[in-house]
Amino acid sequence: MNKFLLAIPALCDLINSTLVYTSLNFLSSSVYQIMRGGVILSTAVCTRFFLKERLKSREMWGCGIATFGVTLVGLNSVFFAKSSEHSSGETLLGIGLVLLGLVFNGIFYTFEQKLLRKYHLEPLEMVGYEGLFGVLIYMVLLSFIQFIPCPFGAEGCAFTSLSYPRLEYMPSYFAELGDNGILLAFTIIGLFTIAGFNLTGITATKYINAVARSIGDVSRTVVVWIAGLIITVTIGVTHPNYRWEDLGVASIVIEVIGFGVLIFGNLVNNGLVKLPFVKEEERQALMESINEM
């Protein structure tokens, strides 16, 4: 296998990450969360049209249920959110960036599945090569991005030593890491957690499929929400900046229901929970082959 083929999913991942993180300059976190749930549908569509694989009935139902669950969680954030600081034009731009990112995200997952089906690749090997190509691609891009003026305001830009706003500025990044030990520690922790996340994601793609990985990707929001609640009721009591979650009863109830639906959809997709009205293609095909004998 030509290892340079692994540069394709690395590039798709880089483009997707850049687009969705840029969209946060124009979207509230609640709208962003709803839109990101679309990765399940984009991966399902790419699986059908790029890999020419037809999803099983339980997988289609699982995708639909999981998407409904994450949408419910996002809508809860909209209902209980504070007034938005973004204009309608900015919101539309942010939504467009997320939608474009979802296309590359779907291609990213399905292309990995194609490579894993066609060649013998170990997940750890794939993570290593994709990481290598990702670093090389971004180093090339960074040499240009550092000179592009930033239009996103003080909170969305990096600044040079002469206070010029730039999209990226590496000296400023390393200076902040050197001045803040906590930031440095969390950056290192982040590197290992993302590596572990990518490794488990590729393993899910190899042994199940890309759609299962996309649902698992969205499902991690449950863990983030639980961690946010714990921090809010502990550190957030004395530090307002750490009050990350709404502790209102109505908000929590809706989120619990939404996350419950999301997890249920994940179980349905993976065949761990069977819906009585959903046909099992494998069983039907087996019965037809028996009847033909």
Protein backbone atom coordinates (compact mmCIF):
# COMPACT_ATOMS: atom_id res chain seq x y z
CA MET A 1 0.00 0.00 0.00
CA ASN A 2 1.15 3.52 -0.80
CA LYS A 3 1.32 5.20 2.61
CA PHE A 4 0.74 8.61 1.00
CA LEU A 5 -2.91 7.58 0.65
CA LEU A 6 -3.17 8.25 4.39
CA ALA A 7 -2.49 11.91 3.67
CA ILE A 8 -6.01 12.15 2.22
CA PRO A 9 -7.92 11.45 5.48
CA ALA A 10 -5.36 13.59 7.35
CA LEU A 11 -6.10 16.51 5.01
CA CYS A 12 -9.87 15.99 5.34
CA ASP A 13 -9.57 15.97 9.13
CA LEU A 14 -7.49 19.14 9.07
CA ILE A 15 -9.96 20.95 6.81
CA ASN A 16 -12.93 19.81 8.90
CA SER A 17 -11.30 20.89 12.17
CA THR A 18 -10.32 24.27 10.75
CA LEU A 19 -13.81 24.95 9.42
CA VAL A 20 -15.74 23.93 12.55
CA TYR A 21 -13.41 25.73 14.96
CA THR A 22 -13.58 28.86 12.82
CA SER A 23 -17.38 28.63 12.92
CA LEU A 24 -17.29 29.09 16.70
CA ASN A 25 -16.42 32.73 16.03
CA PHE A 26 -19.88 33.14 14.50
CA LEU A 27 -22.09 30.62 16.33
CA SER A 28 -23.30 30.08 19.85
CA SER A 29 -22.18 26.81 21.40
CA SER A 30 -25.75 25.48 21.38
CA VAL A 31 -26.21 25.94 17.62
CA TYR A 32 -22.76 24.48 17.05
CA GLN A 33 -23.68 21.42 19.10
CA ILE A 34 -26.86 20.82 17.09
CA MET A 35 -25.01 21.17 13.78
CA ARG A 36 -22.20 18.83 14.82
CA GLY A 37 -24.74 16.07 15.33
CA GLY A 38 -25.07 16.06 11.54
CA VAL A 39 -21.82 14.08 11.30
CA ILE A 40 -23.94 10.94 11.72
CA LEU A 41 -26.00 11.76 8.63
CA SER A 42 -23.04 12.98 6.56
CA THR A 43 -21.14 9.76 7.30
CA ALA A 44 -24.19 7.65 6.43
CA VAL A 45 -24.61 9.49 3.11
CA CYS A 46 -20.90 9.13 2.25
CA THR A 47 -21.08 5.43 3.11
CA ARG A 48 -24.00 4.97 0.73
CA PHE A 49 -22.67 6.96 -2.24
CA PHE A 50 -18.87 6.69 -1.93
CA LEU A 51 -18.51 3.17 -0.57
CA LYS A 52 -21.65 1.89 -2.32
CA GLU A 53 -22.71 0.18 0.90
CA ARG A 54 -26.36 0.00 1.88
CA LEU A 55 -27.04 0.60 5.55
CA LYS A 56 -28.98 -2.05 7.40
CA SER A 57 -32.42 -1.13 8.72
CA ARG A 58 -31.21 -1.10 12.33
CA GLU A 59 -28.33 1.21 11.34
CA MET A 60 -30.70 3.66 9.65
CA TRP A 61 -32.98 3.64 12.67
CA GLY A 62 -29.99 4.01 14.98
CA CYS A 63 -28.71 7.00 12.99
CA GLY A 64 -32.12 8.66 13.08
CA ILE A 65 -32.64 8.09 16.81
CA ALA A 66 -29.12 9.27 17.73
CA THR A 67 -29.48 12.39 15.56
CA PHE A 68 -32.80 13.20 17.24
CA GLY A 69 -31.17 12.79 20.66
CA VAL A 70 -28.28 15.14 20.00
CA THR A 71 -30.67 17.65 18.39
CA LEU A 72 -32.83 17.57 21.52
CA VAL A 73 -29.78 18.33 23.66
CA GLY A 74 -28.83 21.22 21.39
CA LEU A 75 -32.35 22.64 21.35
CA ASN A 76 -32.33 22.57 25.15
CA SER A 77 -29.27 24.81 25.04
CA VAL A 78 -31.14 27.16 22.70
CA PHE A 79 -34.22 27.34 24.94
CA PHE A 80 -32.21 28.16 28.06
CA ALA A 81 -29.43 30.15 26.42
CA LYS A 82 -28.71 33.81 26.99
CA SER A 83 -29.27 36.29 24.17
CA SER A 84 -26.94 35.71 21.24
CA GLU A 85 -24.18 38.21 20.51
CA HIS A 86 -24.00 37.18 16.84
CA SER A 87 -25.89 38.77 13.97
CA SER A 88 -28.03 36.73 11.59
CA GLY A 89 -25.38 37.10 8.89
CA GLU A 90 -22.66 35.78 11.17
CA THR A 91 -24.87 32.89 12.23
CA LEU A 92 -25.53 31.92 8.60
CA LEU A 93 -21.81 32.08 7.85
CA GLY A 94 -21.08 29.87 10.86
CA ILE A 95 -23.73 27.34 9.83
CA GLY A 96 -22.27 27.24 6.32
CA LEU A 97 -18.79 26.55 7.69
CA VAL A 98 -20.08 23.71 9.88
CA LEU A 99 -22.03 22.14 7.01
CA LEU A 100 -18.97 22.25 4.78
CA GLY A 101 -16.92 20.77 7.60
CA LEU A 102 -19.44 17.93 7.95
CA VAL A 103 -18.88 16.99 4.31
CA PHE A 104 -15.13 16.62 4.90
CA ASN A 105 -15.82 14.82 8.18
CA GLY A 106 -17.98 12.26 6.37
CA ILE A 107 -15.34 11.78 3.67
CA PHE A 108 -12.68 11.44 6.38
CA TYR A 109 -14.49 8.60 8.16
CA THR A 110 -15.58 6.74 5.04
CA PHE A 111 -12.19 6.99 3.31
CA GLU A 112 -10.58 5.46 6.39
CA GLN A 113 -13.12 2.65 6.22
CA LYS A 114 -12.30 2.11 2.54
CA LEU A 115 -8.58 1.83 3.30
CA LEU A 116 -9.17 -0.49 6.25
CA ARG A 117 -11.35 -2.77 4.10
CA LYS A 118 -8.88 -2.85 1.21
CA TYR A 119 -5.53 -3.05 3.01
CA HIS A 120 -4.19 -4.65 6.15
CA LEU A 121 -3.68 -1.66 8.44
CA GLU A 122 -3.38 -1.58 12.19
CA PRO A 123 -5.21 1.31 13.94
CA LEU A 124 -2.05 2.49 15.72
CA GLU A 125 -0.15 2.52 12.42
CA MET A 126 -2.93 4.54 10.80
CA VAL A 127 -2.98 7.07 13.63
CA GLY A 128 0.79 7.49 13.37
CA TYR A 129 0.87 8.10 9.61
CA GLU A 130 -2.14 10.41 9.65
CA GLY A 131 -0.60 12.39 12.49
CA LEU A 132 2.69 12.67 10.62
CA PHE A 133 1.03 13.85 7.41
CA GLY A 134 -1.21 16.22 9.39
CA VAL A 135 1.79 17.87 11.06
CA LEU A 136 3.66 18.21 7.75
CA ILE A 137 0.64 19.70 5.96
CA TYR A 138 -0.07 22.15 8.76
CA MET A 139 3.58 23.25 8.99
CA VAL A 140 3.42 24.23 5.33
CA LEU A 141 0.09 26.02 5.78
CA LEU A 142 1.25 27.75 8.96
CA SER A 143 4.11 29.45 7.13
CA PHE A 144 1.42 31.34 5.15
CA ILE A 145 -1.37 31.64 7.73
CA GLN A 146 0.86 33.59 10.12
CA PHE A 147 0.87 36.50 7.68
CA ILE A 148 -2.90 36.64 7.02
CA PRO A 149 -4.73 39.45 8.89
CA CYS A 150 -7.44 38.23 11.27
CA PRO A 151 -10.98 39.71 11.01
CA PHE A 152 -12.49 37.90 14.04
CA GLY A 153 -11.84 40.47 16.75
CA ALA A 154 -9.68 40.32 19.87
CA GLU A 155 -11.08 37.01 21.13
CA GLY A 156 -10.61 35.14 17.84
CA CYS A 157 -7.18 36.37 16.75
CA ALA A 158 -3.53 35.91 17.63
CA PHE A 159 -1.40 39.02 17.96
CA THR A 160 2.18 39.73 16.92
CA SER A 161 4.69 41.54 19.13
CA LEU A 162 3.54 44.75 17.42
CA SER A 163 -0.14 43.96 18.21
CA TYR A 164 -1.09 43.11 14.63
CA PRO A 165 -3.98 40.57 14.51
CA ARG A 166 -3.20 37.34 12.65
CA LEU A 167 -5.09 34.10 12.09
CA GLU A 168 -2.19 32.23 13.70
CA TYR A 169 1.06 33.37 15.29
CA MET A 170 3.39 30.67 16.62
CA PRO A 171 5.65 32.86 18.83
CA SER A 172 2.57 34.07 20.72
CA TYR A 173 1.38 30.48 21.16
CA PHE A 174 4.66 29.26 22.65
CA ALA A 175 4.95 32.37 24.82
CA GLU A 176 1.55 31.66 26.37
CA LEU A 177 2.51 28.03 26.99
CA GLY A 178 5.71 29.16 28.71
CA ASP A 179 3.89 31.67 30.92
CA ASN A 180 1.11 29.32 32.06
CA GLY A 181 2.01 25.92 33.49
CA ILE A 182 -1.62 24.84 33.70
CA LEU A 183 -2.14 25.60 30.01
CA LEU A 184 1.01 23.64 29.15
CA ALA A 185 -0.15 20.68 31.24
CA PHE A 186 -3.60 20.60 29.62
CA THR A 187 -2.03 20.92 26.16
CA ILE A 188 0.11 17.83 26.80
CA ILE A 189 -2.89 15.97 28.25
CA GLY A 190 -4.90 17.01 25.20
CA LEU A 191 -2.32 15.51 22.83
CA PHE A 192 -2.59 12.12 24.51
CA THR A 193 -6.38 12.18 24.82
CA ILE A 194 -6.85 13.08 21.15
CA ALA A 195 -4.39 10.35 20.16
CA GLY A 196 -6.37 7.86 22.25
CA PHE A 197 -9.65 9.11 20.82
CA ASN A 198 -8.39 8.72 17.25
CA LEU A 199 -7.04 5.25 18.02
CA THR A 200 -10.34 4.01 19.43
CA GLY A 201 -12.23 5.70 16.59
CA ILE A 202 -10.20 3.97 13.89
CA THR A 203 -10.56 0.68 15.76
CA ALA A 204 -14.36 1.13 15.71
CA THR A 205 -14.20 1.85 11.97
CA LYS A 206 -12.10 -1.25 11.33
CA TYR A 207 -14.20 -3.72 13.28
CA ILE A 208 -17.66 -2.13 12.83
CA ASN A 209 -18.00 0.75 10.35
CA ALA A 210 -17.66 4.51 9.93
CA VAL A 211 -21.29 5.19 10.92
CA ALA A 212 -20.77 3.50 14.29
CA ARG A 213 -17.71 5.68 14.80
CA SER A 214 -19.65 8.86 14.00
CA ILE A 215 -22.34 7.98 16.55
CA GLY A 216 -19.65 7.25 19.12
CA ASP A 217 -18.05 10.58 18.27
CA VAL A 218 -21.26 12.44 19.08
CA SER A 219 -21.92 10.30 22.16
CA ARG A 220 -18.80 11.59 23.90
CA THR A 221 -20.81 14.75 24.57
CA VAL A 222 -22.43 12.80 27.41
CA VAL A 223 -19.09 12.51 29.22
CA VAL A 224 -18.33 16.20 28.62
CA TRP A 225 -21.74 17.15 30.03
CA ILE A 226 -21.28 15.03 33.17
CA ALA A 227 -17.80 16.50 33.73
CA GLY A 228 -19.23 19.99 33.25
CA LEU A 229 -21.93 19.36 35.85
CA ILE A 230 -19.38 18.09 38.38
CA ILE A 231 -17.13 21.11 37.86
CA THR A 232 -20.11 23.50 38.05
CA VAL A 233 -21.33 22.16 41.41
CA THR A 234 -17.83 21.97 42.92
CA ILE A 235 -15.31 24.53 41.67
CA GLY A 236 -18.06 26.69 40.17
CA VAL A 237 -19.50 27.44 43.61
CA THR A 238 -16.59 29.77 44.40
CA HIS A 239 -15.31 30.50 40.88
CA PRO A 240 -17.98 31.91 38.49
CA ASN A 241 -15.81 31.20 35.42
CA TYR A 242 -16.24 27.47 36.10
CA ARG A 243 -20.03 27.50 36.08
CA TRP A 244 -20.26 25.72 32.75
CA GLU A 245 -23.66 24.04 32.95
CA ASP A 246 -27.22 25.20 33.63
CA LEU A 247 -28.38 23.62 36.89
CA GLY A 248 -32.05 24.35 36.29
CA VAL A 249 -34.29 21.31 36.76
CA ALA A 250 -36.02 21.69 33.38
CA SER A 251 -32.71 22.02 31.56
CA ILE A 252 -31.20 18.96 33.23
CA VAL A 253 -34.32 16.84 32.61
CA ILE A 254 -34.32 17.66 28.88
CA GLU A 255 -30.60 16.95 28.60
CA VAL A 256 -30.98 13.61 30.41
CA ILE A 257 -33.77 12.63 28.00
CA GLY A 258 -31.75 13.79 24.98
CA PHE A 259 -28.62 11.94 26.03
CA GLY A 260 -30.71 8.87 26.85
CA VAL A 261 -32.15 8.90 23.32
CA LEU A 262 -28.64 9.38 21.91
CA ILE A 263 -27.29 6.37 23.81
CA PHE A 264 -30.33 4.32 22.83
CA GLY A 265 -29.73 5.13 19.16
CA ASN A 266 -26.11 4.04 19.57
CA LEU A 267 -27.24 0.69 21.01
CA VAL A 268 -29.77 0.19 18.21
CA ASN A 269 -27.17 0.96 15.55
CA ASN A 270 -24.78 -1.62 16.97
CA GLY A 271 -27.47 -4.29 17.31
CA LEU A 272 -27.32 -4.41 21.12
CA VAL A 273 -30.97 -3.34 21.30
CA LYS A 274 -33.38 -4.77 18.73
CA LEU A 275 -36.52 -2.92 17.66
CA PRO A 276 -39.36 -5.41 17.07
CA PHE A 277 -40.59 -3.64 13.94
CA VAL A 278 -37.16 -3.40 12.26
CA LYS A 279 -36.32 -6.13 9.75
CA GLU A 280 -33.08 -8.02 10.18
CA GLU A 281 -31.56 -8.30 6.69
CA GLU A 282 -29.11 -11.00 7.74
CA ARG A 283 -31.86 -13.26 9.09
CA GLN A 284 -34.04 -12.62 6.04
CA ALA A 285 -31.17 -13.43 3.65
CA LEU A 286 -30.39 -16.61 5.56
CA MET A 287 -34.01 -17.79 5.38
CA GLU A 288 -34.15 -17.07 1.64
CA SER A 289 -30.97 -19.08 1.03
CA ILE A 290 -32.39 -21.99 3.06
CA ASN A 291 -35.62 -21.94 1.07
CA GLU A 292 -33.68 -22.00 -2.19
CA MET A 293 -31.83 -25.18 -1.20
